[in-house]
Amino acid sequence: ELTRKKCDFLVRICAGSLNVSNAAAVALFALRG
């Protein structure tokens, strides 16, 4: 909860859930452009 409050924005990747390492890769790819 504290970490969540420290974030400027919260986003989800998909309706379900991904393994944390897969989520990191998807988010880093999305930031590339």
Full PDB file with SEQRES, HELIX, SHEET, SSBOND, CRYST1, ORIGX, SCALE, CONECT and MASTER records, all heavy atoms in Angstrom:
SEQRES   1 A   33  GLU LEU THR ARG LYS LYS CYS ASP PHE LEU VAL ARG ILE          
SEQRES   2 A   33  CYS ALA GLY SER LEU ASN VAL SER ASN ALA ALA ALA VAL          
SEQRES   3 A   33  ALA LEU PHE ALA LEU ARG GLY                                  
HELIX    1 AA1 LEU A    2  LYS A    6  1                                   5    
HELIX    2 AA2 VAL A   20  LEU A   31  1                                  12    
CRYST1    1.000    1.000    1.000  90.00  90.00  90.00 P 1           1          
ORIGX1      1.000000  0.000000  0.000000        0.00000                         
ORIGX2      0.000000  1.000000  0.000000        0.00000                         
ORIGX3      0.000000  0.000000  1.000000        0.00000                         
SCALE1      1.000000  0.000000  0.000000        0.00000                         
SCALE2      0.000000  1.000000  0.000000        0.00000                         
SCALE3      0.000000  0.000000  1.000000        0.00000                         
ATOM      1  N   GLU A   1       0.824  -1.214   0.000  1.00  0.00           N  
ATOM      2  CA  GLU A   1       0.000   0.000   0.000  1.00  0.00           C  
ATOM      3  C   GLU A   1       0.858   1.264   0.000  1.00  0.00           C  
ATOM      4  O   GLU A   1       0.574   2.216  -0.741  1.00  0.00           O  
ATOM      5  CB  GLU A   1      -0.925  -0.010   1.218  1.00  0.00           C  
ATOM      6  CG  GLU A   1      -1.909   1.158   1.249  1.00  0.00           C  
ATOM      7  CD  GLU A   1      -2.855   1.171   0.060  1.00  0.00           C  
ATOM      8  OE1 GLU A   1      -3.134   0.084  -0.499  1.00  0.00           O  
ATOM      9  OE2 GLU A   1      -3.307   2.279  -0.322  1.00  0.00           O  
ATOM     10  N   LEU A   2       1.909   1.296   0.809  1.00  0.00           N  
ATOM     11  CA  LEU A   2       2.763   2.483   0.848  1.00  0.00           C  
ATOM     12  C   LEU A   2       3.433   2.716  -0.503  1.00  0.00           C  
ATOM     13  O   LEU A   2       3.500   3.853  -0.987  1.00  0.00           O  
ATOM     14  CB  LEU A   2       3.823   2.343   1.942  1.00  0.00           C  
ATOM     15  CG  LEU A   2       4.846   3.487   2.037  1.00  0.00           C  
ATOM     16  CD1 LEU A   2       4.147   4.819   2.288  1.00  0.00           C  
ATOM     17  CD2 LEU A   2       5.880   3.200   3.123  1.00  0.00           C  
ATOM     18  N   THR A   3       3.917   1.642  -1.112  1.00  0.00           N  
ATOM     19  CA  THR A   3       4.565   1.779  -2.421  1.00  0.00           C  
ATOM     20  C   THR A   3       3.573   2.266  -3.453  1.00  0.00           C  
ATOM     21  O   THR A   3       3.885   3.134  -4.284  1.00  0.00           O  
ATOM     22  CB  THR A   3       5.168   0.433  -2.856  1.00  0.00           C  
ATOM     23  OG1 THR A   3       6.009  -0.084  -1.819  1.00  0.00           O  
ATOM     24  CG2 THR A   3       5.969   0.587  -4.129  1.00  0.00           C  
ATOM     25  N   ARG A   4       2.364   1.724  -3.396  1.00  0.00           N  
ATOM     26  CA  ARG A   4       1.323   2.149  -4.343  1.00  0.00           C  
ATOM     27  C   ARG A   4       1.062   3.653  -4.212  1.00  0.00           C  
ATOM     28  O   ARG A   4       0.942   4.362  -5.209  1.00  0.00           O  
ATOM     29  CB  ARG A   4       0.046   1.346  -4.077  1.00  0.00           C  
ATOM     30  CG  ARG A   4      -1.056   1.579  -5.113  1.00  0.00           C  
ATOM     31  CD  ARG A   4      -2.309   0.811  -4.783  1.00  0.00           C  
ATOM     32  NE  ARG A   4      -2.135  -0.617  -4.984  1.00  0.00           N  
ATOM     33  CZ  ARG A   4      -2.041  -1.521  -4.046  1.00  0.00           C  
ATOM     34  NH1 ARG A   4      -2.114  -1.143  -2.753  1.00  0.00           N  
ATOM     35  NH2 ARG A   4      -1.885  -2.783  -4.304  1.00  0.00           N  
ATOM     36  N   LYS A   5       0.998   4.126  -2.987  1.00  0.00           N  
ATOM     37  CA  LYS A   5       0.735   5.555  -2.767  1.00  0.00           C  
ATOM     38  C   LYS A   5       1.897   6.427  -3.227  1.00  0.00           C  
ATOM     39  O   LYS A   5       1.701   7.600  -3.567  1.00  0.00           O  
ATOM     40  CB  LYS A   5       0.460   5.807  -1.281  1.00  0.00           C  
ATOM     41  CG  LYS A   5      -0.879   5.253  -0.804  1.00  0.00           C  
ATOM     42  CD  LYS A   5      -1.075   5.493   0.687  1.00  0.00           C  
ATOM     43  CE  LYS A   5      -2.429   4.966   1.152  1.00  0.00           C  
ATOM     44  NZ  LYS A   5      -2.607   5.148   2.619  1.00  0.00           N  
ATOM     45  N   LYS A   6       3.089   5.878  -3.234  1.00  0.00           N  
ATOM     46  CA  LYS A   6       4.256   6.640  -3.659  1.00  0.00           C  
ATOM     47  C   LYS A   6       4.332   6.806  -5.179  1.00  0.00           C  
ATOM     48  O   LYS A   6       5.069   7.668  -5.673  1.00  0.00           O  
ATOM     49  CB  LYS A   6       5.541   5.950  -3.176  1.00  0.00           C  
ATOM     50  CG  LYS A   6       5.781   6.035  -1.675  1.00  0.00           C  
ATOM     51  CD  LYS A   6       6.285   7.404  -1.280  1.00  0.00           C  
ATOM     52  CE  LYS A   6       6.620   7.481   0.199  1.00  0.00           C  
ATOM     53  NZ  LYS A   6       7.074   8.842   0.588  1.00  0.00           N  
ATOM     54  N   CYS A   7       3.600   5.987  -5.911  1.00  0.00           N  
ATOM     55  CA  CYS A   7       3.651   6.048  -7.375  1.00  0.00           C  
ATOM     56  C   CYS A   7       2.874   7.261  -7.889  1.00  0.00           C  
ATOM     57  O   CYS A   7       1.860   7.663  -7.305  1.00  0.00           O  
ATOM     58  CB  CYS A   7       3.085   4.777  -7.982  1.00  0.00           C  
ATOM     59  SG  CYS A   7       4.089   3.305  -7.664  1.00  0.00           S  
ATOM     60  N   ASP A   8       3.331   7.827  -8.998  1.00  0.00           N  
ATOM     61  CA  ASP A   8       2.615   8.938  -9.625  1.00  0.00           C  
ATOM     62  C   ASP A   8       1.384   8.445 -10.372  1.00  0.00           C  
ATOM     63  O   ASP A   8       0.351   9.105 -10.391  1.00  0.00           O  
ATOM     64  CB  ASP A   8       3.546   9.674 -10.590  1.00  0.00           C  
ATOM     65  CG  ASP A   8       4.721  10.306  -9.874  1.00  0.00           C  
ATOM     66  OD1 ASP A   8       4.482  11.097  -8.943  1.00  0.00           O  
ATOM     67  OD2 ASP A   8       5.875  10.007 -10.239  1.00  0.00           O  
ATOM     68  N   PHE A   9       1.515   7.272 -11.004  1.00  0.00           N  
ATOM     69  CA  PHE A   9       0.405   6.677 -11.742  1.00  0.00           C  
ATOM     70  C   PHE A   9       0.448   5.164 -11.567  1.00  0.00           C  
ATOM     71  O   PHE A   9       1.525   4.577 -11.371  1.00  0.00           O  
ATOM     72  CB  PHE A   9       0.485   7.005 -13.243  1.00  0.00           C  
ATOM     73  CG  PHE A   9       0.353   8.459 -13.567  1.00  0.00           C  
ATOM     74  CD1 PHE A   9       1.478   9.235 -13.774  1.00  0.00           C  
ATOM     75  CD2 PHE A   9      -0.898   9.064 -13.655  1.00  0.00           C  
ATOM     76  CE1 PHE A   9       1.372  10.586 -14.064  1.00  0.00           C  
ATOM     77  CE2 PHE A   9      -1.020  10.404 -13.939  1.00  0.00           C  
ATOM     78  CZ  PHE A   9       0.122  11.169 -14.148  1.00  0.00           C  
ATOM     79  N   LEU A  10      -0.726   4.545 -11.653  1.00  0.00           N  
ATOM     80  CA  LEU A  10      -0.838   3.095 -11.640  1.00  0.00           C  
ATOM     81  C   LEU A  10      -1.469   2.652 -12.953  1.00  0.00           C  
ATOM     82  O   LEU A  10      -2.448   3.247 -13.416  1.00  0.00           O  
ATOM     83  CB  LEU A  10      -1.704   2.618 -10.472  1.00  0.00           C  
ATOM     84  CG  LEU A  10      -1.210   2.953  -9.059  1.00  0.00           C  
ATOM     85  CD1 LEU A  10      -2.263   2.573  -8.034  1.00  0.00           C  
ATOM     86  CD2 LEU A  10       0.109   2.237  -8.768  1.00  0.00           C  
ATOM     87  N   VAL A  11      -0.910   1.615 -13.558  1.00  0.00           N  
ATOM     88  CA  VAL A  11      -1.472   1.080 -14.794  1.00  0.00           C  
ATOM     89  C   VAL A  11      -1.492  -0.440 -14.703  1.00  0.00           C  
ATOM     90  O   VAL A  11      -0.695  -1.043 -13.973  1.00  0.00           O  
ATOM     91  CB  VAL A  11      -0.673   1.520 -16.037  1.00  0.00           C  
ATOM     92  CG1 VAL A  11      -0.708   3.033 -16.212  1.00  0.00           C  
ATOM     93  CG2 VAL A  11       0.763   1.024 -15.973  1.00  0.00           C  
ATOM     94  N   ARG A  12      -2.411  -1.041 -15.429  1.00  0.00           N  
ATOM     95  CA  ARG A  12      -2.443  -2.501 -15.520  1.00  0.00           C  
ATOM     96  C   ARG A  12      -1.986  -2.897 -16.919  1.00  0.00           C  
ATOM     97  O   ARG A  12      -2.096  -2.127 -17.873  1.00  0.00           O  
ATOM     98  CB  ARG A  12      -3.844  -3.034 -15.239  1.00  0.00           C  
ATOM     99  CG  ARG A  12      -4.863  -2.736 -16.326  1.00  0.00           C  
ATOM    100  CD  ARG A  12      -6.229  -3.334 -16.030  1.00  0.00           C  
ATOM    101  NE  ARG A  12      -7.110  -3.221 -17.176  1.00  0.00           N  
ATOM    102  CZ  ARG A  12      -7.789  -2.142 -17.518  1.00  0.00           C  
ATOM    103  NH1 ARG A  12      -7.711  -1.042 -16.761  1.00  0.00           N  
ATOM    104  NH2 ARG A  12      -8.540  -2.130 -18.591  1.00  0.00           N  
ATOM    105  N   ILE A  13      -1.482  -4.112 -17.017  1.00  0.00           N  
ATOM    106  CA  ILE A  13      -1.020  -4.589 -18.320  1.00  0.00           C  
ATOM    107  C   ILE A  13      -2.140  -5.288 -19.073  1.00  0.00           C  
ATOM    108  O   ILE A  13      -2.308  -5.120 -20.276  1.00  0.00           O  
ATOM    109  CB  ILE A  13       0.195  -5.521 -18.148  1.00  0.00           C  
ATOM    110  CG1 ILE A  13       1.400  -4.686 -17.714  1.00  0.00           C  
ATOM    111  CG2 ILE A  13       0.515  -6.274 -19.432  1.00  0.00           C  
ATOM    112  CD1 ILE A  13       2.666  -5.457 -17.546  1.00  0.00           C  
ATOM    113  N   CYS A  14      -2.924  -6.078 -18.355  1.00  0.00           N  
ATOM    114  CA  CYS A  14      -4.004  -6.816 -19.010  1.00  0.00           C  
ATOM    115  C   CYS A  14      -5.069  -7.125 -17.963  1.00  0.00           C  
ATOM    116  O   CYS A  14      -4.905  -6.842 -16.778  1.00  0.00           O  
ATOM    117  CB  CYS A  14      -3.483  -8.101 -19.650  1.00  0.00           C  
ATOM    118  SG  CYS A  14      -2.638  -9.205 -18.483  1.00  0.00           S  
ATOM    119  N   ALA A  15      -6.162  -7.716 -18.418  1.00  0.00           N  
ATOM    120  CA  ALA A  15      -7.266  -8.022 -17.506  1.00  0.00           C  
ATOM    121  C   ALA A  15      -6.876  -9.096 -16.499  1.00  0.00           C  
ATOM    122  O   ALA A  15      -7.323  -9.092 -15.365  1.00  0.00           O  
ATOM    123  CB  ALA A  15      -8.487  -8.460 -18.303  1.00  0.00           C  
ATOM    124  N   GLY A  16      -6.014 -10.029 -16.916  1.00  0.00           N  
ATOM    125  CA  GLY A  16      -5.570 -11.082 -16.011  1.00  0.00           C  
ATOM    126  C   GLY A  16      -4.300 -10.685 -15.304  1.00  0.00           C  
ATOM    127  O   GLY A  16      -4.094  -9.527 -14.963  1.00  0.00           O  
ATOM    128  N   SER A  17      -3.438 -11.647 -15.076  1.00  0.00           N  
ATOM    129  CA  SER A  17      -2.170 -11.365 -14.409  1.00  0.00           C  
ATOM    130  C   SER A  17      -1.040 -12.020 -15.181  1.00  0.00           C  
ATOM    131  O   SER A  17      -1.222 -13.036 -15.850  1.00  0.00           O  
ATOM    132  CB  SER A  17      -2.191 -11.882 -12.966  1.00  0.00           C  
ATOM    133  OG  SER A  17      -2.382 -13.285 -12.944  1.00  0.00           O  
ATOM    134  N   LEU A  18       0.132 -11.405 -15.084  1.00  0.00           N  
ATOM    135  CA  LEU A  18       1.334 -11.933 -15.704  1.00  0.00           C  
ATOM    136  C   LEU A  18       2.375 -12.194 -14.628  1.00  0.00           C  
ATOM    137  O   LEU A  18       2.382 -11.549 -13.577  1.00  0.00           O  
ATOM    138  CB  LEU A  18       1.918 -10.934 -16.715  1.00  0.00           C  
ATOM    139  CG  LEU A  18       1.197 -10.722 -18.035  1.00  0.00           C  
ATOM    140  CD1 LEU A  18       1.905  -9.616 -18.825  1.00  0.00           C  
ATOM    141  CD2 LEU A  18       1.159 -11.997 -18.853  1.00  0.00           C  
ATOM    142  N   ASN A  19       3.259 -13.139 -14.909  1.00  0.00           N  
ATOM    143  CA  ASN A  19       4.433 -13.297 -14.069  1.00  0.00           C  
ATOM    144  C   ASN A  19       5.163 -11.965 -14.003  1.00  0.00           C  
ATOM    145  O   ASN A  19       5.214 -11.215 -14.980  1.00  0.00           O  
ATOM    146  CB  ASN A  19       5.326 -14.377 -14.676  1.00  0.00           C  
ATOM    147  CG  ASN A  19       6.666 -14.475 -13.982  1.00  0.00           C  
ATOM    148  OD1 ASN A  19       7.571 -13.708 -14.268  1.00  0.00           O  
ATOM    149  ND2 ASN A  19       6.784 -15.429 -13.079  1.00  0.00           N  
ATOM    150  N   VAL A  20       5.755 -11.643 -12.837  1.00  0.00           N  
ATOM    151  CA  VAL A  20       6.353 -10.325 -12.636  1.00  0.00           C  
ATOM    152  C   VAL A  20       7.475 -10.052 -13.632  1.00  0.00           C  
ATOM    153  O   VAL A  20       7.651  -8.919 -14.098  1.00  0.00           O  
ATOM    154  CB  VAL A  20       6.837 -10.164 -11.181  1.00  0.00           C  
ATOM    155  CG1 VAL A  20       7.949 -11.142 -10.839  1.00  0.00           C  
ATOM    156  CG2 VAL A  20       7.274  -8.738 -10.910  1.00  0.00           C  
ATOM    157  N   SER A  21       8.241 -11.073 -14.016  1.00  0.00           N  
ATOM    158  CA  SER A  21       9.313 -10.838 -14.980  1.00  0.00           C  
ATOM    159  C   SER A  21       8.753 -10.552 -16.371  1.00  0.00           C  
ATOM    160  O   SER A  21       9.286  -9.711 -17.109  1.00  0.00           O  
ATOM    161  CB  SER A  21      10.266 -12.042 -15.029  1.00  0.00           C  
ATOM    162  OG  SER A  21       9.608 -13.204 -15.458  1.00  0.00           O  
ATOM    163  N   ASN A  22       7.654 -11.222 -16.729  1.00  0.00           N  
ATOM    164  CA  ASN A  22       7.006 -10.930 -18.009  1.00  0.00           C  
ATOM    165  C   ASN A  22       6.414  -9.527 -18.008  1.00  0.00           C  
ATOM    166  O   ASN A  22       6.482  -8.808 -19.011  1.00  0.00           O  
ATOM    167  CB  ASN A  22       5.903 -11.956 -18.297  1.00  0.00           C  
ATOM    168  CG  ASN A  22       6.452 -13.338 -18.547  1.00  0.00           C  
ATOM    169  OD1 ASN A  22       7.581 -13.491 -18.994  1.00  0.00           O  
ATOM    170  ND2 ASN A  22       5.669 -14.361 -18.254  1.00  0.00           N  
ATOM    171  N   ALA A  23       5.823  -9.139 -16.876  1.00  0.00           N  
ATOM    172  CA  ALA A  23       5.250  -7.800 -16.760  1.00  0.00           C  
ATOM    173  C   ALA A  23       6.331  -6.733 -16.930  1.00  0.00           C  
ATOM    174  O   ALA A  23       6.109  -5.701 -17.585  1.00  0.00           O  
ATOM    175  CB  ALA A  23       4.549  -7.646 -15.416  1.00  0.00           C  
ATOM    176  N   ALA A  24       7.499  -6.961 -16.351  1.00  0.00           N  
ATOM    177  CA  ALA A  24       8.593  -6.002 -16.501  1.00  0.00           C  
ATOM    178  C   ALA A  24       8.999  -5.860 -17.959  1.00  0.00           C  
ATOM    179  O   ALA A  24       9.209  -4.741 -18.450  1.00  0.00           O  
ATOM    180  CB  ALA A  24       9.788  -6.448 -15.658  1.00  0.00           C  
ATOM    181  N   ALA A  25       9.101  -6.985 -18.658  1.00  0.00           N  
ATOM    182  CA  ALA A  25       9.502  -6.936 -20.064  1.00  0.00           C  
ATOM    183  C   ALA A  25       8.470  -6.196 -20.909  1.00  0.00           C  
ATOM    184  O   ALA A  25       8.823  -5.374 -21.763  1.00  0.00           O  
ATOM    185  CB  ALA A  25       9.700  -8.357 -20.590  1.00  0.00           C  
ATOM    186  N   VAL A  26       7.185  -6.466 -20.676  1.00  0.00           N  
ATOM    187  CA  VAL A  26       6.125  -5.800 -21.439  1.00  0.00           C  
ATOM    188  C   VAL A  26       6.149  -4.291 -21.184  1.00  0.00           C  
ATOM    189  O   VAL A  26       6.049  -3.489 -22.107  1.00  0.00           O  
ATOM    190  CB  VAL A  26       4.747  -6.398 -21.089  1.00  0.00           C  
ATOM    191  CG1 VAL A  26       3.633  -5.574 -21.687  1.00  0.00           C  
ATOM    192  CG2 VAL A  26       4.656  -7.847 -21.573  1.00  0.00           C  
ATOM    193  N   ALA A  27       6.306  -3.910 -19.917  1.00  0.00           N  
ATOM    194  CA  ALA A  27       6.301  -2.472 -19.587  1.00  0.00           C  
ATOM    195  C   ALA A  27       7.514  -1.767 -20.182  1.00  0.00           C  
ATOM    196  O   ALA A  27       7.401  -0.652 -20.720  1.00  0.00           O  
ATOM    197  CB  ALA A  27       6.286  -2.304 -18.071  1.00  0.00           C  
ATOM    198  N   LEU A  28       8.676  -2.384 -20.119  1.00  0.00           N  
ATOM    199  CA  LEU A  28       9.870  -1.772 -20.691  1.00  0.00           C  
ATOM    200  C   LEU A  28       9.746  -1.645 -22.205  1.00  0.00           C  
ATOM    201  O   LEU A  28      10.190  -0.641 -22.790  1.00  0.00           O  
ATOM    202  CB  LEU A  28      11.102  -2.584 -20.315  1.00  0.00           C  
ATOM    203  CG  LEU A  28      11.567  -2.462 -18.861  1.00  0.00           C  
ATOM    204  CD1 LEU A  28      12.572  -3.553 -18.526  1.00  0.00           C  
ATOM    205  CD2 LEU A  28      12.151  -1.088 -18.589  1.00  0.00           C  
ATOM    206  N   PHE A  29       9.137  -2.642 -22.826  1.00  0.00           N  
ATOM    207  CA  PHE A  29       8.918  -2.563 -24.278  1.00  0.00           C  
ATOM    208  C   PHE A  29       7.973  -1.416 -24.604  1.00  0.00           C  
ATOM    209  O   PHE A  29       8.188  -0.657 -25.564  1.00  0.00           O  
ATOM    210  CB  PHE A  29       8.355  -3.888 -24.793  1.00  0.00           C  
ATOM    211  CG  PHE A  29       8.063  -3.864 -26.270  1.00  0.00           C  
ATOM    212  CD1 PHE A  29       9.068  -4.020 -27.196  1.00  0.00           C  
ATOM    213  CD2 PHE A  29       6.764  -3.675 -26.735  1.00  0.00           C  
ATOM    214  CE1 PHE A  29       8.823  -3.996 -28.563  1.00  0.00           C  
ATOM    215  CE2 PHE A  29       6.489  -3.641 -28.088  1.00  0.00           C  
ATOM    216  CZ  PHE A  29       7.518  -3.805 -29.002  1.00  0.00           C  
ATOM    217  N   ALA A  30       6.915  -1.263 -23.814  1.00  0.00           N  
ATOM    218  CA  ALA A  30       5.937  -0.194 -24.067  1.00  0.00           C  
ATOM    219  C   ALA A  30       6.580   1.177 -23.926  1.00  0.00           C  
ATOM    220  O   ALA A  30       6.148   2.137 -24.595  1.00  0.00           O  
ATOM    221  CB  ALA A  30       4.760  -0.331 -23.101  1.00  0.00           C  
ATOM    222  N   LEU A  31       7.591   1.294 -23.078  1.00  0.00           N  
ATOM    223  CA  LEU A  31       8.256   2.592 -22.873  1.00  0.00           C  
ATOM    224  C   LEU A  31       9.238   2.931 -23.986  1.00  0.00           C  
ATOM    225  O   LEU A  31       9.675   4.074 -24.092  1.00  0.00           O  
ATOM    226  CB  LEU A  31       9.010   2.594 -21.545  1.00  0.00           C  
ATOM    227  CG  LEU A  31       8.154   2.681 -20.273  1.00  0.00           C  
ATOM    228  CD1 LEU A  31       9.029   2.460 -19.052  1.00  0.00           C  
ATOM    229  CD2 LEU A  31       7.481   4.047 -20.193  1.00  0.00           C  
ATOM    230  N   ARG A  32       9.579   1.955 -24.804  1.00  0.00           N  
ATOM    231  CA  ARG A  32      10.632   2.163 -25.802  1.00  0.00           C  
ATOM    232  C   ARG A  32      10.314   3.319 -26.745  1.00  0.00           C  
ATOM    233  O   ARG A  32      11.190   4.076 -27.129  1.00  0.00           O  
ATOM    234  CB  ARG A  32      10.825   0.905 -26.639  1.00  0.00           C  
ATOM    235  CG  ARG A  32      11.957   0.043 -26.186  1.00  0.00           C  
ATOM    236  CD  ARG A  32      12.222  -1.074 -27.132  1.00  0.00           C  
ATOM    237  NE  ARG A  32      13.521  -0.932 -27.796  1.00  0.00           N  
ATOM    238  CZ  ARG A  32      14.023  -1.837 -28.601  1.00  0.00           C  
ATOM    239  NH1 ARG A  32      13.340  -2.929 -28.888  1.00  0.00           N  
ATOM    240  NH2 ARG A  32      15.190  -1.665 -29.144  1.00  0.00           N  
ATOM    241  N   GLY A  33       9.067   3.436 -27.144  1.00  0.00           N  
ATOM    242  CA  GLY A  33       8.719   4.442 -28.131  1.00  0.00           C  
ATOM    243  C   GLY A  33       8.392   5.794 -27.529  1.00  0.00           C  
ATOM    244  O   GLY A  33       8.022   6.719 -28.261  1.00  0.00           O  
TER     245      GLY A  33                                                      
MASTER        0    0    0    2    0    0    0    6  244    1    0    3          
END                                                                             
